[in-house]
Amino acid sequence: MAIVSISLSDENLRLLDKIQETYALKGRSDAVRTALNSAASEMQDMEDLEGNVEGVLITIRRDHADPWMSLIQAKYVGSIKTQLHSHLKNKKCLEVMIISCTADELRSMMHEIQGSGKADYVRFVRS
C-alpha cells in the first residue's frame, strides 16, 4: 500500500476525524479511504446517467457577492426549469434548481460548478 502525504486545513482535519468517528473506523487512513470510495461512487453515478435526465440540483456556495454561479446558470438557462435562491449565514447561498436536460449537459454543468472550487456542497438528486 502506498503512503501519501497531504496538507489539510483545520476544518478538513476536523471533518476527517468526524468521518472516522461516525463510521467507527480504526484511523484517519481508513477515513480517507472511505471518503475516496464515497466520491468514486458519486462519480460513477454521474457517469452512468444516459439520455434525458430530470431532478434537483442542490448547491451551497460560499460568497453571495461572487457572480460565478449566475454566469453558469445563464449558460445553462435552457436546462434549469425552476430555481430557488436563498441567503444563508456567513454570506453563503443555497441554490435549488429543477433540472431537465441531457446527461451530458448535466455533467458539464456539474463539472463547472465543482471545478470552480467555490461550492461547499453540490448534489444532484435524480427524479
N, C-alpha and C. Protein backbone atom coordinates (compact mmCIF):
# COMPACT_ATOMS: atom_id res chain seq x y z
N MET A 1 0.85 -1.17 0.00
CA MET A 1 0.00 0.00 0.00
C MET A 1 0.89 1.23 0.00
N ALA A 2 0.55 2.21 -0.83
CA ALA A 2 1.33 3.44 -0.93
C ALA A 2 1.04 4.36 0.24
N ILE A 3 2.04 5.14 0.62
CA ILE A 3 1.89 6.16 1.65
C ILE A 3 1.90 7.51 0.96
N VAL A 4 0.88 8.33 1.26
CA VAL A 4 0.73 9.63 0.63
C VAL A 4 0.68 10.69 1.73
N SER A 5 1.43 11.77 1.53
CA SER A 5 1.42 12.87 2.49
C SER A 5 0.55 13.98 1.91
N ILE A 6 -0.39 14.51 2.72
CA ILE A 6 -1.26 15.59 2.26
C ILE A 6 -1.32 16.69 3.31
N SER A 7 -1.66 17.89 2.86
CA SER A 7 -1.87 19.01 3.77
C SER A 7 -3.36 19.25 3.89
N LEU A 8 -3.85 19.41 5.11
CA LEU A 8 -5.27 19.64 5.36
C LEU A 8 -5.44 20.86 6.24
N SER A 9 -6.49 21.62 5.97
CA SER A 9 -6.83 22.75 6.84
C SER A 9 -7.38 22.18 8.15
N ASP A 10 -7.48 23.02 9.15
CA ASP A 10 -8.05 22.59 10.44
C ASP A 10 -9.47 22.07 10.24
N GLU A 11 -10.23 22.75 9.37
CA GLU A 11 -11.62 22.33 9.10
C GLU A 11 -11.65 20.95 8.44
N ASN A 12 -10.76 20.73 7.46
CA ASN A 12 -10.69 19.42 6.80
C ASN A 12 -10.29 18.33 7.79
N LEU A 13 -9.37 18.65 8.68
CA LEU A 13 -8.92 17.67 9.67
C LEU A 13 -10.05 17.32 10.64
N ARG A 14 -10.83 18.32 11.05
CA ARG A 14 -11.99 18.05 11.91
C ARG A 14 -13.00 17.16 11.18
N LEU A 15 -13.21 17.43 9.89
CA LEU A 15 -14.13 16.63 9.09
C LEU A 15 -13.62 15.20 8.96
N LEU A 16 -12.33 15.04 8.72
CA LEU A 16 -11.75 13.70 8.62
C LEU A 16 -11.93 12.94 9.93
N ASP A 17 -11.69 13.60 11.04
CA ASP A 17 -11.88 12.95 12.35
C ASP A 17 -13.35 12.61 12.58
N LYS A 18 -14.26 13.46 12.10
CA LYS A 18 -15.70 13.19 12.23
C LYS A 18 -16.09 11.96 11.41
N ILE A 19 -15.53 11.84 10.20
CA ILE A 19 -15.78 10.65 9.38
C ILE A 19 -15.29 9.41 10.10
N GLN A 20 -14.10 9.50 10.67
CA GLN A 20 -13.54 8.36 11.40
C GLN A 20 -14.44 7.97 12.57
N GLU A 21 -14.90 8.96 13.32
CA GLU A 21 -15.76 8.71 14.48
C GLU A 21 -17.12 8.17 14.06
N THR A 22 -17.74 8.80 13.06
CA THR A 22 -19.08 8.43 12.62
C THR A 22 -19.14 6.98 12.15
N TYR A 23 -18.13 6.56 11.40
CA TYR A 23 -18.12 5.21 10.85
C TYR A 23 -17.31 4.23 11.69
N ALA A 24 -16.88 4.65 12.88
CA ALA A 24 -16.12 3.80 13.80
C ALA A 24 -14.92 3.15 13.10
N LEU A 25 -14.16 3.99 12.39
CA LEU A 25 -13.00 3.50 11.65
C LEU A 25 -11.78 3.48 12.56
N LYS A 26 -10.82 2.65 12.21
CA LYS A 26 -9.64 2.46 13.05
C LYS A 26 -8.70 3.67 13.06
N GLY A 27 -8.65 4.40 11.94
CA GLY A 27 -7.73 5.53 11.88
C GLY A 27 -8.08 6.46 10.75
N ARG A 28 -7.27 7.51 10.64
CA ARG A 28 -7.51 8.51 9.60
C ARG A 28 -7.32 7.94 8.20
N SER A 29 -6.42 7.00 8.04
CA SER A 29 -6.23 6.39 6.71
C SER A 29 -7.52 5.70 6.26
N ASP A 30 -8.17 5.00 7.18
CA ASP A 30 -9.45 4.37 6.83
C ASP A 30 -10.50 5.43 6.49
N ALA A 31 -10.46 6.56 7.19
CA ALA A 31 -11.40 7.65 6.92
C ALA A 31 -11.17 8.22 5.52
N VAL A 32 -9.91 8.39 5.14
CA VAL A 32 -9.59 8.89 3.79
C VAL A 32 -10.07 7.89 2.75
N ARG A 33 -9.82 6.59 2.96
CA ARG A 33 -10.28 5.58 2.01
C ARG A 33 -11.80 5.58 1.90
N THR A 34 -12.50 5.73 3.01
CA THR A 34 -13.97 5.78 3.00
C THR A 34 -14.46 6.99 2.21
N ALA A 35 -13.84 8.15 2.42
CA ALA A 35 -14.23 9.36 1.70
C ALA A 35 -13.96 9.20 0.20
N LEU A 36 -12.83 8.60 -0.15
CA LEU A 36 -12.50 8.37 -1.57
C LEU A 36 -13.50 7.43 -2.22
N ASN A 37 -13.87 6.37 -1.51
CA ASN A 37 -14.85 5.42 -2.05
C ASN A 37 -16.21 6.08 -2.26
N SER A 38 -16.58 6.97 -1.35
CA SER A 38 -17.84 7.69 -1.49
C SER A 38 -17.80 8.61 -2.70
N ALA A 39 -16.70 9.33 -2.88
CA ALA A 39 -16.56 10.21 -4.05
C ALA A 39 -16.56 9.40 -5.34
N ALA A 40 -15.90 8.25 -5.34
CA ALA A 40 -15.86 7.40 -6.54
C ALA A 40 -17.26 6.90 -6.89
N SER A 41 -18.05 6.59 -5.88
CA SER A 41 -19.42 6.14 -6.10
C SER A 41 -20.26 7.26 -6.72
N GLU A 42 -20.09 8.49 -6.23
CA GLU A 42 -20.80 9.64 -6.79
C GLU A 42 -20.40 9.86 -8.24
N MET A 43 -19.11 9.75 -8.53
CA MET A 43 -18.64 9.93 -9.91
C MET A 43 -19.22 8.86 -10.82
N GLN A 44 -19.29 7.64 -10.33
CA GLN A 44 -19.85 6.55 -11.14
C GLN A 44 -21.33 6.78 -11.41
N ASP A 45 -22.05 7.27 -10.41
CA ASP A 45 -23.47 7.58 -10.61
C ASP A 45 -23.65 8.61 -11.72
N MET A 46 -22.80 9.63 -11.76
CA MET A 46 -22.88 10.64 -12.81
C MET A 46 -22.51 10.05 -14.17
N GLU A 47 -21.51 9.20 -14.20
CA GLU A 47 -21.09 8.58 -15.46
C GLU A 47 -22.17 7.66 -16.01
N ASP A 48 -22.95 7.04 -15.14
CA ASP A 48 -23.99 6.09 -15.55
C ASP A 48 -25.23 6.76 -16.12
N LEU A 49 -25.38 8.07 -15.94
CA LEU A 49 -26.55 8.77 -16.47
C LEU A 49 -26.52 8.75 -17.99
N GLU A 50 -27.68 8.51 -18.59
CA GLU A 50 -27.81 8.48 -20.05
C GLU A 50 -29.08 9.19 -20.46
N GLY A 51 -29.09 9.69 -21.71
CA GLY A 51 -30.30 10.29 -22.28
C GLY A 51 -30.72 11.53 -21.54
N ASN A 52 -32.03 11.75 -21.50
CA ASN A 52 -32.58 12.91 -20.79
C ASN A 52 -32.72 12.59 -19.31
N VAL A 53 -32.35 13.54 -18.48
CA VAL A 53 -32.44 13.36 -17.03
C VAL A 53 -33.21 14.53 -16.43
N GLU A 54 -33.88 14.25 -15.34
CA GLU A 54 -34.58 15.28 -14.58
C GLU A 54 -34.29 15.06 -13.11
N GLY A 55 -34.27 16.14 -12.38
CA GLY A 55 -34.04 16.03 -10.95
C GLY A 55 -33.78 17.39 -10.33
N VAL A 56 -33.24 17.37 -9.14
CA VAL A 56 -32.98 18.59 -8.37
C VAL A 56 -31.48 18.72 -8.14
N LEU A 57 -30.94 19.87 -8.48
CA LEU A 57 -29.54 20.16 -8.24
C LEU A 57 -29.47 21.13 -7.06
N ILE A 58 -28.78 20.71 -6.01
CA ILE A 58 -28.67 21.50 -4.79
C ILE A 58 -27.22 21.94 -4.64
N THR A 59 -27.04 23.23 -4.46
CA THR A 59 -25.69 23.77 -4.31
C THR A 59 -25.66 24.77 -3.17
N ILE A 60 -24.62 24.71 -2.36
CA ILE A 60 -24.37 25.76 -1.38
C ILE A 60 -23.06 26.41 -1.78
N ARG A 61 -23.14 27.70 -2.03
CA ARG A 61 -21.95 28.43 -2.46
C ARG A 61 -21.51 29.39 -1.37
N ARG A 62 -20.23 29.74 -1.40
CA ARG A 62 -19.62 30.46 -0.30
C ARG A 62 -19.87 31.96 -0.25
N ASP A 63 -19.89 32.62 -1.39
CA ASP A 63 -19.88 34.08 -1.36
C ASP A 63 -21.00 34.65 -2.22
N HIS A 64 -21.97 35.24 -1.56
CA HIS A 64 -23.12 35.80 -2.27
C HIS A 64 -22.70 36.85 -3.31
N ALA A 65 -21.67 37.61 -3.02
CA ALA A 65 -21.27 38.71 -3.90
C ALA A 65 -20.55 38.22 -5.16
N ASP A 66 -20.04 37.01 -5.17
CA ASP A 66 -19.31 36.48 -6.32
C ASP A 66 -20.31 36.00 -7.38
N PRO A 67 -20.24 36.52 -8.61
CA PRO A 67 -21.25 36.20 -9.62
C PRO A 67 -21.02 34.89 -10.38
N TRP A 68 -20.06 34.08 -10.00
CA TRP A 68 -19.72 32.89 -10.78
C TRP A 68 -20.91 31.97 -11.01
N MET A 69 -21.76 31.77 -10.02
CA MET A 69 -22.90 30.86 -10.18
C MET A 69 -23.91 31.42 -11.16
N SER A 70 -24.13 32.72 -11.12
CA SER A 70 -25.07 33.36 -12.07
C SER A 70 -24.60 33.17 -13.50
N LEU A 71 -23.30 33.21 -13.72
CA LEU A 71 -22.75 33.01 -15.07
C LEU A 71 -22.99 31.57 -15.54
N ILE A 72 -22.82 30.62 -14.65
CA ILE A 72 -23.07 29.22 -15.00
C ILE A 72 -24.57 29.01 -15.27
N GLN A 73 -25.41 29.58 -14.42
CA GLN A 73 -26.85 29.44 -14.61
C GLN A 73 -27.30 30.07 -15.93
N ALA A 74 -26.71 31.19 -16.31
CA ALA A 74 -27.06 31.83 -17.58
C ALA A 74 -26.66 30.93 -18.75
N LYS A 75 -25.53 30.28 -18.62
CA LYS A 75 -25.05 29.39 -19.68
C LYS A 75 -25.99 28.19 -19.87
N TYR A 76 -26.58 27.71 -18.78
CA TYR A 76 -27.43 26.51 -18.82
C TYR A 76 -28.91 26.85 -18.59
N VAL A 77 -29.31 28.05 -18.96
CA VAL A 77 -30.68 28.51 -18.71
C VAL A 77 -31.72 27.57 -19.31
N GLY A 78 -31.43 26.94 -20.43
CA GLY A 78 -32.38 26.02 -21.06
C GLY A 78 -32.55 24.71 -20.29
N SER A 79 -31.61 24.39 -19.42
CA SER A 79 -31.67 23.15 -18.63
C SER A 79 -32.32 23.36 -17.27
N ILE A 80 -32.37 24.62 -16.82
CA ILE A 80 -32.90 24.94 -15.49
C ILE A 80 -34.36 25.35 -15.65
N LYS A 81 -35.26 24.52 -15.14
CA LYS A 81 -36.70 24.78 -15.28
C LYS A 81 -37.23 25.70 -14.19
N THR A 82 -36.72 25.56 -13.00
CA THR A 82 -37.12 26.39 -11.86
C THR A 82 -35.90 26.57 -10.98
N GLN A 83 -35.83 27.71 -10.32
CA GLN A 83 -34.67 28.00 -9.48
C GLN A 83 -35.12 28.70 -8.20
N LEU A 84 -34.51 28.31 -7.09
CA LEU A 84 -34.74 28.97 -5.81
C LEU A 84 -33.39 29.40 -5.27
N HIS A 85 -33.30 30.63 -4.85
CA HIS A 85 -32.07 31.17 -4.27
C HIS A 85 -32.39 31.66 -2.87
N SER A 86 -31.59 31.26 -1.90
CA SER A 86 -31.83 31.70 -0.53
C SER A 86 -30.52 32.05 0.15
N HIS A 87 -30.52 33.16 0.89
CA HIS A 87 -29.34 33.59 1.62
C HIS A 87 -29.24 32.82 2.92
N LEU A 88 -28.04 32.37 3.22
CA LEU A 88 -27.76 31.63 4.45
C LEU A 88 -26.82 32.46 5.32
N LYS A 89 -26.40 31.90 6.44
CA LYS A 89 -25.44 32.56 7.32
C LYS A 89 -24.09 32.69 6.63
N ASN A 90 -23.29 33.61 7.12
CA ASN A 90 -21.90 33.79 6.68
C ASN A 90 -21.76 34.06 5.19
N LYS A 91 -22.73 34.79 4.61
CA LYS A 91 -22.72 35.19 3.20
C LYS A 91 -22.80 34.02 2.22
N LYS A 92 -23.22 32.86 2.72
CA LYS A 92 -23.40 31.70 1.84
C LYS A 92 -24.79 31.76 1.21
N CYS A 93 -24.95 31.02 0.11
CA CYS A 93 -26.23 30.96 -0.58
C CYS A 93 -26.59 29.53 -0.92
N LEU A 94 -27.86 29.24 -0.82
CA LEU A 94 -28.42 27.95 -1.23
C LEU A 94 -29.06 28.14 -2.59
N GLU A 95 -28.69 27.29 -3.54
CA GLU A 95 -29.30 27.28 -4.86
C GLU A 95 -29.98 25.93 -5.03
N VAL A 96 -31.27 25.94 -5.33
CA VAL A 96 -32.02 24.72 -5.63
C VAL A 96 -32.57 24.89 -7.03
N MET A 97 -32.20 23.99 -7.92
CA MET A 97 -32.62 24.10 -9.32
C MET A 97 -33.28 22.81 -9.78
N ILE A 98 -34.43 22.94 -10.41
CA ILE A 98 -35.07 21.81 -11.07
C ILE A 98 -34.44 21.72 -12.45
N ILE A 99 -33.85 20.59 -12.75
CA ILE A 99 -33.07 20.40 -13.97
C ILE A 99 -33.79 19.41 -14.89
N SER A 100 -33.81 19.72 -16.19
CA SER A 100 -34.30 18.81 -17.21
C SER A 100 -33.41 19.02 -18.43
N CYS A 101 -32.55 18.04 -18.72
CA CYS A 101 -31.60 18.19 -19.82
C CYS A 101 -31.00 16.83 -20.16
N THR A 102 -30.05 16.82 -21.07
CA THR A 102 -29.36 15.57 -21.37
C THR A 102 -28.33 15.30 -20.27
N ALA A 103 -27.96 14.05 -20.16
CA ALA A 103 -26.96 13.66 -19.16
C ALA A 103 -25.65 14.40 -19.40
N ASP A 104 -25.28 14.58 -20.66
CA ASP A 104 -24.03 15.30 -20.97
C ASP A 104 -24.09 16.75 -20.51
N GLU A 105 -25.23 17.41 -20.70
CA GLU A 105 -25.38 18.80 -20.25
C GLU A 105 -25.28 18.88 -18.72
N LEU A 106 -25.91 17.95 -18.04
CA LEU A 106 -25.85 17.94 -16.57
C LEU A 106 -24.41 17.73 -16.11
N ARG A 107 -23.72 16.76 -16.70
CA ARG A 107 -22.33 16.51 -16.31
C ARG A 107 -21.48 17.76 -16.53
N SER A 108 -21.68 18.43 -17.66
CA SER A 108 -20.93 19.65 -17.96
C SER A 108 -21.20 20.73 -16.92
N MET A 109 -22.47 20.93 -16.57
CA MET A 109 -22.83 21.93 -15.57
C MET A 109 -22.22 21.59 -14.22
N MET A 110 -22.31 20.34 -13.83
CA MET A 110 -21.76 19.92 -12.53
C MET A 110 -20.24 20.08 -12.51
N HIS A 111 -19.56 19.77 -13.61
CA HIS A 111 -18.11 19.94 -13.67
C HIS A 111 -17.73 21.41 -13.50
N GLU A 112 -18.49 22.30 -14.12
CA GLU A 112 -18.20 23.72 -13.98
C GLU A 112 -18.41 24.19 -12.54
N ILE A 113 -19.50 23.74 -11.93
CA ILE A 113 -19.78 24.15 -10.55
C ILE A 113 -18.71 23.60 -9.62
N GLN A 114 -18.43 22.31 -9.71
CA GLN A 114 -17.45 21.69 -8.83
C GLN A 114 -16.04 22.19 -9.14
N GLY A 115 -15.75 22.40 -10.42
CA GLY A 115 -14.43 22.85 -10.82
C GLY A 115 -14.11 24.27 -10.38
N SER A 116 -15.12 25.05 -10.08
CA SER A 116 -14.90 26.42 -9.65
C SER A 116 -14.21 26.46 -8.29
N GLY A 117 -14.42 25.42 -7.49
CA GLY A 117 -13.87 25.40 -6.14
C GLY A 117 -14.57 26.35 -5.20
N LYS A 118 -15.72 26.88 -5.60
CA LYS A 118 -16.43 27.89 -4.81
C LYS A 118 -17.71 27.36 -4.18
N ALA A 119 -17.98 26.08 -4.34
CA ALA A 119 -19.20 25.49 -3.77
C ALA A 119 -18.82 24.56 -2.62
N ASP A 120 -19.51 24.71 -1.51
CA ASP A 120 -19.27 23.84 -0.36
C ASP A 120 -20.03 22.52 -0.49
N TYR A 121 -21.09 22.54 -1.28
CA TYR A 121 -21.94 21.35 -1.40
C TYR A 121 -22.57 21.36 -2.79
N VAL A 122 -22.49 20.23 -3.47
CA VAL A 122 -23.13 20.06 -4.77
C VAL A 122 -23.70 18.66 -4.82
N ARG A 123 -25.00 18.56 -5.06
CA ARG A 123 -25.64 17.24 -5.11
C ARG A 123 -26.77 17.26 -6.13
N PHE A 124 -26.80 16.24 -6.98
CA PHE A 124 -27.90 16.08 -7.91
C PHE A 124 -28.74 14.89 -7.44
N VAL A 125 -30.03 15.12 -7.28
CA VAL A 125 -30.97 14.07 -6.88
C VAL A 125 -31.83 13.80 -8.08
N ARG A 126 -31.68 12.62 -8.66
CA ARG A 126 -32.40 12.26 -9.86
C ARG A 126 -33.86 11.91 -9.53
N SER A 127 -34.77 12.33 -10.40
CA SER A 127 -36.19 12.04 -10.16
C SER A 127 -36.51 10.61 -10.50
